[in-house]
Amino acid sequence: MNQLTQKSGSGDMVVQELAYPQLSKGMVLVKNHSSIISSGTEGSTVKAARKNLFGKAKERPQQVKQVLESIKNNGKLISL
């Protein structure tokens, strides 16, 4: 089974060969014959992955605000 992966630091994309998942009772495995990639959504994801931490924070000010408010209110980070 092939999977497209992206390295978070560099944004490099690689197709990896993976083992098929083990199925449990009540699960099904669906084989895709084709897939469509949204160039806008996927392109912005690739672009964001190539930015350093400051660049990512600058691009997502609302999430930075949530983290700072959480630290102020709780004294620790929460999972976003």
Protein backbone atom coordinates (compact mmCIF):
# COMPACT_ATOMS: atom_id res chain seq x y z
CA MET A 1 0.00 0.00 0.00
CA ASN A 2 1.39 3.43 -0.90
CA GLN A 3 1.14 6.50 1.31
CA LEU A 4 2.22 10.05 0.53
CA THR A 5 4.05 11.56 3.51
CA GLN A 6 5.55 14.96 4.16
CA LYS A 7 8.49 15.83 6.42
CA SER A 8 7.43 18.65 8.72
CA GLY A 9 10.81 20.40 8.77
CA SER A 10 11.64 20.56 5.08
CA GLY A 11 8.23 19.96 3.52
CA ASP A 12 9.75 17.23 1.31
CA MET A 13 7.16 14.74 0.08
CA VAL A 14 7.83 11.03 -0.27
CA VAL A 15 5.71 8.07 -1.38
CA GLN A 16 6.24 5.21 1.06
CA GLU A 17 5.29 1.55 0.71
CA LEU A 18 3.43 0.44 3.84
CA ALA A 19 1.98 -2.86 5.01
CA TYR A 20 -1.78 -3.22 4.79
CA PRO A 21 -3.48 -2.57 8.13
CA GLN A 22 -4.69 -5.46 10.28
CA LEU A 23 -8.47 -5.63 10.20
CA SER A 24 -10.53 -6.32 13.28
CA LYS A 25 -14.07 -7.65 13.41
CA GLY A 26 -16.50 -5.20 11.86
CA MET A 27 -13.82 -3.37 9.84
CA VAL A 28 -13.47 -3.22 6.05
CA LEU A 29 -10.57 -2.30 3.79
CA VAL A 30 -11.46 -0.09 0.83
CA LYS A 31 -9.23 0.04 -2.24
CA ASN A 32 -9.09 3.41 -4.00
CA HIS A 33 -8.64 3.40 -7.75
CA SER A 34 -7.90 7.11 -7.95
CA SER A 35 -7.61 10.16 -5.74
CA ILE A 36 -7.95 13.89 -6.28
CA ILE A 37 -5.71 16.39 -4.55
CA SER A 38 -6.93 19.93 -3.95
CA SER A 39 -4.01 22.03 -5.14
CA GLY A 40 -5.05 25.00 -2.98
CA THR A 41 -5.43 23.05 0.26
CA GLU A 42 -2.49 20.72 -0.31
CA GLY A 43 -0.30 23.55 -1.61
CA SER A 44 -0.89 25.64 1.50
CA THR A 45 -0.08 22.62 3.69
CA VAL A 46 3.22 22.07 1.87
CA LYS A 47 4.06 25.77 2.07
CA ALA A 48 3.30 25.89 5.82
CA ALA A 49 5.39 22.78 6.51
CA ARG A 50 8.44 24.43 4.98
CA LYS A 51 8.24 27.43 7.33
CA ASN A 52 10.11 27.64 10.61
CA LEU A 53 8.23 27.86 13.91
CA PHE A 54 8.09 31.68 13.84
CA GLY A 55 6.71 31.63 10.28
CA LYS A 56 4.04 29.11 11.26
CA ALA A 57 3.06 31.19 14.31
CA LYS A 58 2.87 34.33 12.16
CA GLU A 59 0.55 32.52 9.76
CA ARG A 60 -1.78 31.33 12.57
CA PRO A 61 -2.20 34.24 15.02
CA GLN A 62 -5.48 32.89 16.44
CA GLN A 63 -3.83 29.62 17.51
CA VAL A 64 -0.93 31.54 19.08
CA LYS A 65 -3.46 33.62 21.00
CA GLN A 66 -5.18 30.42 22.25
CA VAL A 67 -1.86 29.00 23.47
CA LEU A 68 -0.93 32.23 25.29
CA GLU A 69 -4.39 32.44 26.90
CA SER A 70 -4.11 28.82 28.03
CA ILE A 71 -0.72 29.46 29.60
CA LYS A 72 -2.08 32.58 31.32
CA ASN A 73 -5.19 30.81 32.65
CA ASN A 74 -3.81 27.34 33.38
CA GLY A 75 -0.09 27.81 33.69
CA LYS A 76 0.54 25.07 31.12
CA LEU A 77 0.03 24.21 27.47
CA ILE A 78 -3.04 22.36 26.22
CA SER A 79 -3.37 20.25 23.11
CA LEU A 80 -4.91 22.21 20.23
